[in-house]
């Protein structure tokens, strides 16, 4: 079970998009919160001002989290949420990772946009570096998330879980179960998704083959769909007895495009996926599927780095 969540902030309104999630997660999952602001050595003279900012942010999120507890009736059976603001001096990504490792953090929740635009907190910046180095799951939230999928819309939640058939991609399953069961598995729908690649058009396909290229593609696609369905059925069977509401879906085409399209057309509250896949680091991680999904949908993404 998760107990402590770290929320890095850079002082911008864009980064504070995570407040809506932090209060709901803390209030509903009984998490204690640490809001972390990293001040650069060059701006150290303004440290007192930064300290006041992060303490005020912690007070706001703590109050909002306790309101969530009261509204949902959780406070009666648990202690009120506690949040505190912490200021450190140094490099943002390094300090976030260092604090996480030294203070038993279970989840890092952060925005993918910050005060310098997309390149500061997003790909190639702080969020990217944190994700690559973090030993705990990272919950990434893009600025501009539609109100209808923000976690204020609980109690009903729907998680999309893309899998590629590898054991590494399945490393997300314990986290899916934990997120669902910590506050009532009956209130969560889990959608397991497998996307099958379609053979790329080949000019080398022999003209004397008994099947046309179109028929060959059709048969290969049907075969891959069959294997995908069997695979997801096996994963679903593994989850039997957990109390989770699990459904399976198989799509065909480019993995990133299909995940994005499916996520954008359906009211998923969260996408849970691994940063590694069948081809190693570069298949699911930045520069490939996970990066494209993050850029292509406004749905929050819970990324797990196996091992």
Protein backbone atom coordinates (compact mmCIF):
# COMPACT_ATOMS: atom_id res chain seq x y z
CA UNK A 1 0.00 0.00 0.00
CA UNK A 2 1.10 3.57 -0.68
CA UNK A 3 1.77 5.77 2.32
CA UNK A 4 3.74 8.82 1.22
CA UNK A 5 3.61 10.92 -1.97
CA UNK A 6 6.09 13.52 -3.16
CA UNK A 7 4.76 16.48 -5.15
CA UNK A 8 7.51 18.59 -6.79
CA UNK A 9 6.56 22.17 -7.63
CA UNK A 10 8.47 24.85 -9.52
CA UNK A 11 6.36 27.81 -8.39
CA UNK A 12 4.24 28.07 -11.54
CA UNK A 13 0.48 27.72 -11.99
CA UNK A 14 1.12 25.11 -14.68
CA UNK A 15 2.98 22.90 -12.21
CA UNK A 16 0.15 23.32 -9.70
CA UNK A 17 -2.19 21.37 -12.00
CA UNK A 18 -1.20 18.43 -9.78
CA UNK A 19 -3.13 19.92 -6.83
CA UNK A 20 -6.39 18.43 -8.12
CA UNK A 21 -4.81 14.97 -8.08
CA UNK A 22 -2.75 15.34 -4.94
CA UNK A 23 -5.77 16.26 -2.81
CA UNK A 24 -7.89 13.41 -4.18
CA UNK A 25 -5.16 10.79 -3.91
CA UNK A 26 -4.14 11.87 -0.43
CA UNK A 27 -7.71 12.18 0.77
CA UNK A 28 -8.93 8.89 -0.63
CA UNK A 29 -5.80 6.75 -0.22
CA UNK A 30 -4.73 8.04 3.21
CA UNK A 31 -1.42 9.35 1.91
CA UNK A 32 0.81 11.81 3.68
CA UNK A 33 2.10 14.53 1.35
CA UNK A 34 5.43 16.24 0.90
CA UNK A 35 5.44 19.25 -1.42
CA UNK A 36 8.99 19.88 -2.59
CA UNK A 37 10.38 23.05 -4.10
CA UNK A 38 13.95 23.06 -5.42
CA UNK A 39 15.64 26.44 -5.42
CA UNK A 40 18.70 26.92 -7.62
CA UNK A 41 21.94 28.00 -5.96
CA UNK A 42 21.82 31.21 -8.01
CA UNK A 43 18.45 32.12 -6.43
CA UNK A 44 19.41 31.13 -2.92
CA UNK A 45 19.06 34.70 -1.65
CA UNK A 46 15.32 34.40 -2.32
CA UNK A 47 15.06 31.20 -0.28
CA UNK A 48 12.79 32.72 2.42
CA UNK A 49 10.26 33.69 -0.25
CA UNK A 50 10.41 30.21 -1.77
CA UNK A 51 9.97 28.71 1.69
CA UNK A 52 6.79 30.69 2.26
CA UNK A 53 5.48 29.63 -1.15
CA UNK A 54 5.92 25.91 -0.56
CA UNK A 55 4.53 26.07 2.98
CA UNK A 56 1.46 27.92 1.74
CA UNK A 57 1.01 25.35 -1.05
CA UNK A 58 1.21 22.55 1.53
CA UNK A 59 -1.44 24.25 3.69
CA UNK A 60 -3.77 24.56 0.69
CA UNK A 61 -3.42 20.93 -0.39
CA UNK A 62 -3.70 19.65 3.18
CA UNK A 63 -6.96 21.57 3.68
CA UNK A 64 -8.35 20.37 0.35
CA UNK A 65 -7.36 16.76 1.11
CA UNK A 66 -9.13 16.86 4.45
CA UNK A 67 -12.23 18.20 2.70
CA UNK A 68 -12.09 15.18 0.38
CA UNK A 69 -11.88 12.92 3.44
CA UNK A 70 -14.91 14.55 5.01
CA UNK A 71 -16.98 14.51 1.83
CA UNK A 72 -16.23 10.84 1.18
CA UNK A 73 -16.62 9.75 4.78
CA UNK A 74 -13.07 8.45 4.97
CA UNK A 75 -11.98 10.66 7.87
CA UNK A 76 -14.14 8.68 10.29
CA UNK A 77 -11.93 5.61 9.89
CA UNK A 78 -8.55 7.25 9.47
CA UNK A 79 -6.41 10.15 10.54
CA UNK A 80 -6.55 13.52 8.75
CA UNK A 81 -4.17 14.01 5.86
CA UNK A 82 -0.94 15.77 6.73
CA UNK A 83 1.06 17.77 4.18
CA UNK A 84 4.28 19.67 4.62
CA UNK A 85 6.34 21.91 2.42
CA UNK A 86 10.05 21.34 1.99
CA UNK A 87 12.60 23.65 0.36
CA UNK A 88 15.98 22.37 -0.85
CA UNK A 89 18.81 23.98 -2.79
CA UNK A 90 20.31 22.34 -5.85
CA UNK A 91 19.53 20.73 -9.19
CA UNK A 92 15.77 19.98 -9.49
CA UNK A 93 15.89 16.44 -10.89
CA UNK A 94 18.76 15.33 -8.66
CA UNK A 95 17.16 16.78 -5.52
CA UNK A 96 13.77 15.21 -6.29
CA UNK A 97 15.35 11.76 -6.71
CA UNK A 98 17.58 12.20 -3.66
CA UNK A 99 14.67 13.26 -1.45
CA UNK A 100 12.54 10.40 -2.73
CA UNK A 101 15.16 7.77 -1.95
CA UNK A 102 16.06 9.11 1.49
CA UNK A 103 12.50 9.65 2.75
CA UNK A 104 10.64 6.46 1.81
CA UNK A 105 8.50 8.05 -0.89
CA UNK A 106 6.06 5.64 -2.56
CA UNK A 107 4.80 7.80 -5.46
CA UNK A 108 6.03 10.96 -7.19
CA UNK A 109 3.24 13.10 -8.67
CA UNK A 110 4.32 15.95 -10.92
CA UNK A 111 3.32 18.10 -13.86
CA UNK A 112 4.90 17.80 -17.29
CA UNK A 113 4.81 21.57 -17.85
CA UNK A 114 6.43 24.28 -15.77
CA UNK A 115 7.32 27.96 -15.74
CA UNK A 116 9.68 27.68 -18.71
CA UNK A 117 7.16 25.90 -20.91
CA UNK A 118 7.09 22.34 -22.14
CA UNK A 119 10.85 21.86 -22.21
CA UNK A 120 11.41 22.55 -18.50
CA UNK A 121 9.35 19.84 -16.84
CA UNK A 122 8.58 17.74 -19.87
CA UNK A 123 10.64 15.57 -22.18
CA UNK A 124 14.35 16.23 -21.99
CA UNK A 125 13.83 18.18 -18.75
CA UNK A 126 13.12 17.52 -15.11
CA UNK A 127 10.22 15.08 -15.49
CA UNK A 128 12.17 13.02 -18.02
CA UNK A 129 15.22 12.82 -15.75
CA UNK A 130 13.09 11.95 -12.73
CA UNK A 131 11.31 9.20 -14.60
CA UNK A 132 14.56 7.66 -15.83
CA UNK A 133 16.12 7.61 -12.36
CA UNK A 134 13.15 7.08 -10.04
CA UNK A 135 12.83 3.77 -8.23
CA UNK A 136 9.17 4.48 -7.45
CA UNK A 137 6.23 5.05 -9.82
CA UNK A 138 5.85 8.52 -11.32
CA UNK A 139 2.37 9.98 -11.85
CA UNK A 140 2.64 12.53 -14.68
CA UNK A 141 -0.09 15.12 -15.26
CA UNK A 142 -0.23 17.42 -18.26
CA UNK A 143 -1.50 20.96 -17.93
CA UNK A 144 -4.94 21.41 -19.49
CA UNK A 145 -6.46 18.15 -18.28
CA UNK A 146 -10.23 18.21 -18.98
CA UNK A 147 -12.31 18.66 -15.84
CA UNK A 148 -14.34 15.53 -16.52
CA UNK A 149 -11.37 13.22 -15.97
CA UNK A 150 -9.87 14.92 -12.93
CA UNK A 151 -10.14 12.75 -9.84
CA UNK A 152 -12.79 15.03 -8.37
CA UNK A 153 -15.08 12.83 -10.48
CA UNK A 154 -14.51 9.82 -8.23
CA UNK A 155 -15.86 7.50 -6.80
CA UNK A 156 -16.06 5.71 -10.17
CA UNK A 157 -12.64 5.34 -11.78
CA UNK A 158 -11.46 3.67 -14.97
CA UNK A 159 -7.85 2.70 -15.62
CA UNK A 160 -6.39 1.85 -19.02
CA UNK A 161 -3.52 -0.63 -18.78
CA UNK A 162 -1.62 -1.16 -22.07
CA UNK A 163 0.41 -4.38 -22.16
CA UNK A 164 2.80 -5.57 -24.86
CA UNK A 165 3.00 -9.24 -23.90
CA UNK A 166 6.23 -8.97 -21.91
CA UNK A 167 6.81 -9.64 -18.23
CA UNK A 168 8.29 -6.16 -17.94
CA UNK A 169 5.07 -4.53 -19.11
CA UNK A 170 3.20 -6.68 -16.58
CA UNK A 171 5.22 -5.11 -13.76
CA UNK A 172 2.44 -2.50 -13.57
CA UNK A 173 -0.15 -5.04 -12.44
CA UNK A 174 0.70 -4.97 -8.69
CA UNK A 175 0.41 -1.18 -8.82
CA UNK A 176 -2.93 -1.37 -10.63
CA UNK A 177 -4.20 -3.70 -7.92
CA UNK A 178 -2.84 -1.52 -5.12
CA UNK A 179 -4.32 1.69 -6.53
CA UNK A 180 -7.67 0.01 -6.98
CA UNK A 181 -7.88 -1.87 -3.69
CA UNK A 182 -6.56 0.81 -1.36
CA UNK A 183 -9.93 2.55 -1.57
CA UNK A 184 -12.37 -0.03 -2.88
CA UNK A 185 -11.74 -2.27 -5.88
CA UNK A 186 -15.47 -2.41 -6.61
CA UNK A 187 -15.32 1.26 -7.61
CA UNK A 188 -12.64 0.74 -10.27
CA UNK A 189 -12.86 -0.63 -13.81
CA UNK A 190 -9.61 -1.99 -15.26
CA UNK A 191 -9.23 -2.16 -19.06
CA UNK A 192 -6.35 -4.35 -20.23
CA UNK A 193 -5.30 -3.31 -23.73
CA UNK A 194 -3.10 -5.15 -26.22
CA UNK A 195 -2.27 -3.56 -29.58
CA UNK A 196 -1.22 -5.86 -32.42
CA UNK A 197 1.16 -4.57 -35.08
CA UNK A 198 0.04 -4.83 -38.69
CA UNK A 199 2.67 -6.06 -41.20
CA UNK A 200 4.28 -3.17 -43.05
CA UNK A 201 3.83 -3.07 -46.81
CA UNK A 202 6.77 -4.84 -48.38
CA UNK A 203 8.01 -4.52 -51.95
CA UNK A 204 9.95 -7.74 -51.37
CA UNK A 205 6.83 -9.88 -51.04
CA UNK A 206 7.24 -12.60 -53.72
CA UNK A 207 4.79 -12.28 -56.59
CA UNK A 208 4.47 -16.06 -56.93
CA UNK A 209 3.11 -16.53 -53.39
CA UNK A 210 -0.24 -18.36 -53.26
CA UNK A 211 -1.73 -15.53 -51.19
CA UNK A 212 -1.97 -11.90 -52.22
CA UNK A 213 -0.27 -9.35 -49.94
CA UNK A 214 -3.67 -8.18 -48.71
CA UNK A 215 -4.76 -11.72 -47.82
CA UNK A 216 -1.41 -12.38 -46.18
CA UNK A 217 -1.82 -9.26 -44.00
CA UNK A 218 -5.38 -10.22 -43.12
CA UNK A 219 -4.37 -13.70 -41.96
CA UNK A 220 -1.33 -12.50 -40.03
CA UNK A 221 -3.43 -9.83 -38.33
CA UNK A 222 -6.14 -12.31 -37.37
CA UNK A 223 -3.52 -14.68 -35.99
CA UNK A 224 -1.91 -11.93 -33.92
CA UNK A 225 -5.30 -10.83 -32.60
CA UNK A 226 -6.01 -14.41 -31.57
CA UNK A 227 -2.71 -14.63 -29.70
CA UNK A 228 -3.37 -11.24 -28.07
CA UNK A 229 -6.81 -12.34 -26.89
CA UNK A 230 -5.34 -15.52 -25.40
CA UNK A 231 -2.61 -13.52 -23.72
CA UNK A 232 -5.02 -11.01 -22.14
CA UNK A 233 -7.30 -13.84 -21.04
CA UNK A 234 -4.31 -15.32 -19.23
CA UNK A 235 -3.53 -12.03 -17.52
CA UNK A 236 -7.17 -11.63 -16.56
CA UNK A 237 -7.09 -15.12 -15.05
CA UNK A 238 -4.04 -14.13 -12.99
CA UNK A 239 -6.11 -11.29 -11.55
CA UNK A 240 -8.99 -13.56 -10.56
CA UNK A 241 -9.68 -13.33 -6.87
CA UNK A 242 -8.35 -9.79 -6.54
CA UNK A 243 -11.84 -8.31 -6.64
CA UNK A 244 -10.97 -6.10 -9.61
CA UNK A 245 -13.45 -5.42 -12.41
CA UNK A 246 -11.32 -6.42 -15.42
CA UNK A 247 -12.13 -6.15 -19.13
CA UNK A 248 -9.90 -6.95 -22.11
CA UNK A 249 -9.62 -5.19 -25.45
CA UNK A 250 -7.49 -5.93 -28.52
CA UNK A 251 -6.75 -3.34 -31.20
CA UNK A 252 -4.62 -3.43 -34.34
CA UNK A 253 -2.25 -0.83 -35.73
CA UNK A 254 0.51 1.39 -34.42
CA UNK A 255 0.71 0.91 -30.61
CA UNK A 256 1.09 4.58 -29.67
CA UNK A 257 -1.59 5.79 -32.07
CA UNK A 258 -4.08 3.16 -30.95
CA UNK A 259 -3.49 3.79 -27.24
CA UNK A 260 -3.88 7.54 -27.77
CA UNK A 261 -7.04 7.20 -29.86
CA UNK A 262 -8.59 4.76 -27.40
CA UNK A 263 -7.72 6.95 -24.42
CA UNK A 264 -9.09 10.10 -26.03
CA UNK A 265 -12.37 8.47 -27.05
CA UNK A 266 -13.11 6.98 -23.63
CA UNK A 267 -13.39 8.51 -20.14
CA UNK A 268 -10.28 6.97 -18.61
CA UNK A 269 -9.09 8.62 -15.40
CA UNK A 270 -5.62 7.15 -15.63
CA UNK A 271 -3.28 5.28 -18.00
CA UNK A 272 -0.98 2.85 -16.19
CA UNK A 273 1.99 1.58 -18.17
CA UNK A 274 5.56 0.40 -17.92
CA UNK A 275 8.54 2.40 -19.16
CA UNK A 276 10.06 -0.79 -20.55
CA UNK A 277 8.68 -3.29 -23.05
CA UNK A 278 9.50 -6.19 -25.31
CA UNK A 279 12.31 -4.39 -27.10
CA UNK A 280 13.87 -2.96 -23.96
CA UNK A 281 14.20 0.67 -22.89
CA UNK A 282 13.44 2.27 -26.23
CA UNK A 283 10.12 0.54 -26.91
CA UNK A 284 7.91 1.88 -24.15
CA UNK A 285 10.03 4.71 -22.87
CA UNK A 286 10.79 8.26 -24.04
CA UNK A 287 11.32 8.55 -27.77
CA UNK A 288 8.76 5.82 -28.35
CA UNK A 289 5.34 4.71 -27.14
CA UNK A 290 5.24 6.25 -23.64
CA UNK A 291 6.47 9.62 -24.89
CA UNK A 292 3.98 9.65 -27.75
CA UNK A 293 1.13 8.71 -25.42
CA UNK A 294 2.08 11.47 -22.97
CA UNK A 295 2.16 14.01 -25.79
CA UNK A 296 -0.95 12.71 -27.53
CA UNK A 297 -3.44 12.56 -24.69
CA UNK A 298 -4.35 14.76 -21.73
CA UNK A 299 -5.02 11.70 -19.56
CA UNK A 300 -2.68 11.43 -16.58
CA UNK A 301 -0.13 8.62 -16.86
CA UNK A 302 1.17 6.43 -14.03
CA UNK A 303 4.56 5.16 -15.21
CA UNK A 304 6.34 2.25 -13.57
CA UNK A 305 10.02 1.52 -14.13
CA UNK A 306 10.54 -2.25 -13.68
CA UNK A 307 13.31 -3.45 -11.41
